[in-house]
Amino acid sequence: MAPELSPSSYDHQDEAKYGLGTKRPVELFYKLFGMDVRRKSMVPELCKFVKSGIMHKTFSPALRADGMGIDYSGFEDFDVAAAIEEELNRMRAIAETHIRGAMEKKRPNNIRAALDEAKRCRMEAVPGKKELLDEARKLMNELS
């Protein structure tokens, strides 16, 4: 991820043995995985895209006939940020259910766990959810 570096500064020791790959332009790889090599930044929450299995489900059907990687030609318009946001929304719905259930049962440890879950999916950034989180924190403190 350093386009400003000269290729002569790279270690080319095993390049002939393994090759660099010719099946997709590196720019497409960067785009697919939300990498901005100029700014040295990545799309937030990329790990959720990988760990949730979405990456596998998305790209596996495009396995090349020779079994040597993915044919990325059909993914030129793929939006990894939208896929991640969809996963975060799924996680937020579950976290909200857990928060409401823990509050209803007045269980401070369950409220704490549900608030941790909400933090992992950045629920506080969603308009209208901060109030629920504040209410849950207040109840948890009252019960503790």
Protein backbone atom coordinates (compact mmCIF):
# COMPACT_ATOMS: atom_id res chain seq x y z
CA MET A 1 0.00 0.00 0.00
CA ALA A 2 2.75 2.40 -0.87
CA PRO A 3 2.35 3.66 -4.46
CA GLU A 4 4.89 6.40 -3.84
CA LEU A 5 7.66 3.82 -3.38
CA SER A 6 9.77 2.81 -6.32
CA PRO A 7 9.35 -0.84 -7.40
CA SER A 8 13.14 -1.09 -7.23
CA SER A 9 12.82 -0.82 -3.43
CA TYR A 10 10.73 -4.01 -3.23
CA ASP A 11 12.10 -7.48 -2.52
CA HIS A 12 11.72 -9.32 -5.84
CA GLN A 13 13.45 -12.51 -4.68
CA ASP A 14 10.59 -14.97 -5.32
CA GLU A 15 8.68 -12.96 -7.90
CA ALA A 16 9.59 -15.29 -10.78
CA LYS A 17 8.62 -18.33 -8.71
CA TYR A 18 5.22 -17.09 -7.51
CA GLY A 19 4.35 -14.33 -9.95
CA LEU A 20 2.38 -11.18 -9.24
CA GLY A 21 -0.93 -12.30 -10.66
CA THR A 22 -2.52 -11.09 -13.85
CA LYS A 23 -6.17 -11.98 -13.34
CA ARG A 24 -7.24 -8.64 -11.90
CA PRO A 25 -5.80 -5.14 -11.70
CA VAL A 26 -4.50 -4.35 -8.23
CA GLU A 27 -6.68 -1.21 -8.26
CA LEU A 28 -9.79 -3.43 -8.37
CA PHE A 29 -8.53 -5.38 -5.36
CA TYR A 30 -8.03 -2.12 -3.45
CA LYS A 31 -11.51 -0.91 -4.43
CA LEU A 32 -13.20 -4.20 -3.52
CA PHE A 33 -11.72 -4.17 -0.05
CA GLY A 34 -12.16 -0.45 0.56
CA MET A 35 -8.48 0.46 0.55
CA ASP A 36 -7.29 3.95 -0.35
CA VAL A 37 -3.58 3.48 -0.91
CA ARG A 38 -2.93 7.17 -1.42
CA ARG A 39 -4.45 8.16 1.94
CA LYS A 40 -3.37 4.88 3.55
CA SER A 41 -6.87 4.26 4.87
CA MET A 42 -9.45 1.51 4.74
CA VAL A 43 -13.20 1.29 4.98
CA PRO A 44 -14.22 1.07 8.65
CA GLU A 45 -15.21 -2.31 10.07
CA LEU A 46 -13.66 -4.41 7.27
CA CYS A 47 -13.19 -7.21 9.82
CA LYS A 48 -16.97 -7.55 10.13
CA PHE A 49 -17.15 -8.17 6.38
CA VAL A 50 -14.59 -10.96 6.74
CA LYS A 51 -15.49 -12.52 10.11
CA SER A 52 -19.24 -12.59 9.46
CA GLY A 53 -18.74 -14.78 6.39
CA ILE A 54 -20.16 -12.16 4.02
CA MET A 55 -16.89 -12.02 2.09
CA HIS A 56 -16.92 -15.80 1.65
CA LYS A 57 -20.59 -15.88 0.59
CA THR A 58 -20.07 -12.97 -1.80
CA PHE A 59 -16.92 -14.11 -3.57
CA SER A 60 -17.02 -17.94 -3.42
CA PRO A 61 -19.57 -18.32 -6.23
CA ALA A 62 -17.06 -16.55 -8.49
CA LEU A 63 -14.29 -19.11 -7.96
CA ARG A 64 -12.44 -19.46 -11.25
CA ALA A 65 -12.88 -22.67 -13.20
CA ASP A 66 -9.21 -23.54 -12.66
CA GLY A 67 -9.72 -23.20 -8.88
CA MET A 68 -6.94 -20.62 -8.72
CA GLY A 69 -8.70 -17.71 -7.06
CA ILE A 70 -11.74 -15.57 -7.66
CA ASP A 71 -12.88 -14.09 -10.95
CA TYR A 72 -13.40 -10.51 -9.78
CA SER A 73 -14.65 -9.24 -13.15
CA GLY A 74 -18.27 -9.34 -11.96
CA PHE A 75 -17.52 -7.29 -8.86
CA GLU A 76 -16.38 -4.02 -10.40
CA ASP A 77 -19.42 -2.23 -8.93
CA PHE A 78 -19.39 -4.08 -5.60
CA ASP A 79 -19.67 -1.72 -2.62
CA VAL A 80 -17.93 -3.21 0.40
CA ALA A 81 -19.00 -0.26 2.59
CA ALA A 82 -22.67 -1.00 1.81
CA ALA A 83 -22.17 -4.70 2.59
CA ILE A 84 -20.55 -3.80 5.91
CA GLU A 85 -23.35 -1.36 6.78
CA GLU A 86 -25.90 -4.08 6.03
CA GLU A 87 -24.11 -6.40 8.46
CA LEU A 88 -23.90 -3.67 11.10
CA ASN A 89 -27.64 -3.04 10.73
CA ARG A 90 -28.32 -6.75 11.25
CA MET A 91 -26.15 -6.70 14.37
CA ARG A 92 -27.83 -3.51 15.62
CA ALA A 93 -31.28 -5.08 15.42
CA ILE A 94 -30.09 -8.02 17.52
CA ALA A 95 -28.37 -5.72 20.04
CA GLU A 96 -31.51 -3.61 20.38
CA THR A 97 -33.58 -6.73 21.08
CA HIS A 98 -31.07 -7.77 23.74
CA ILE A 99 -31.02 -4.31 25.34
CA ARG A 100 -34.81 -4.10 25.52
CA GLY A 101 -35.08 -7.63 26.92
CA ALA A 102 -32.42 -7.01 29.56
CA MET A 103 -34.07 -3.74 30.57
CA GLU A 104 -37.47 -5.39 30.81
CA LYS A 105 -36.06 -8.11 33.08
CA LYS A 106 -34.00 -5.52 35.00
CA ARG A 107 -30.79 -7.53 34.85
CA PRO A 108 -27.77 -5.22 35.10
CA ASN A 109 -25.22 -7.77 33.84
CA ASN A 110 -27.37 -8.52 30.81
CA ILE A 111 -27.81 -4.79 30.18
CA ARG A 112 -24.03 -4.36 30.36
CA ALA A 113 -23.48 -7.22 27.90
CA ALA A 114 -26.11 -5.83 25.53
CA LEU A 115 -24.53 -2.36 25.70
CA ASP A 116 -21.18 -3.92 24.82
CA GLU A 117 -22.86 -5.60 21.87
CA ALA A 118 -24.32 -2.23 20.81
CA LYS A 119 -20.88 -0.65 21.01
CA ARG A 120 -19.38 -3.30 18.71
CA CYS A 121 -21.91 -2.45 16.01
CA ARG A 122 -21.62 1.33 16.51
CA MET A 123 -25.29 1.66 17.44
CA GLU A 124 -24.75 5.07 19.01
CA ALA A 125 -24.05 6.52 15.56
CA VAL A 126 -27.58 5.63 14.43
CA PRO A 127 -30.06 8.50 14.75
CA GLY A 128 -32.56 7.89 17.54
CA LYS A 129 -30.63 5.06 19.23
CA LYS A 130 -28.59 7.20 21.62
CA GLU A 131 -31.68 7.73 23.78
CA LEU A 132 -32.20 3.97 24.17
CA LEU A 133 -28.55 3.48 25.08
CA ASP A 134 -28.67 6.32 27.63
CA GLU A 135 -31.84 4.86 29.15
CA ALA A 136 -30.20 1.43 29.40
CA ARG A 137 -27.07 2.90 31.03
CA LYS A 138 -29.21 4.82 33.52
CA LEU A 139 -31.22 1.73 34.46
CA MET A 140 -28.05 -0.36 34.75
CA ASN A 141 -26.55 2.19 37.14
CA GLU A 142 -29.74 2.31 39.21
CA LEU A 143 -29.81 -1.48 39.50
CA SER A 144 -26.11 -1.87 40.31
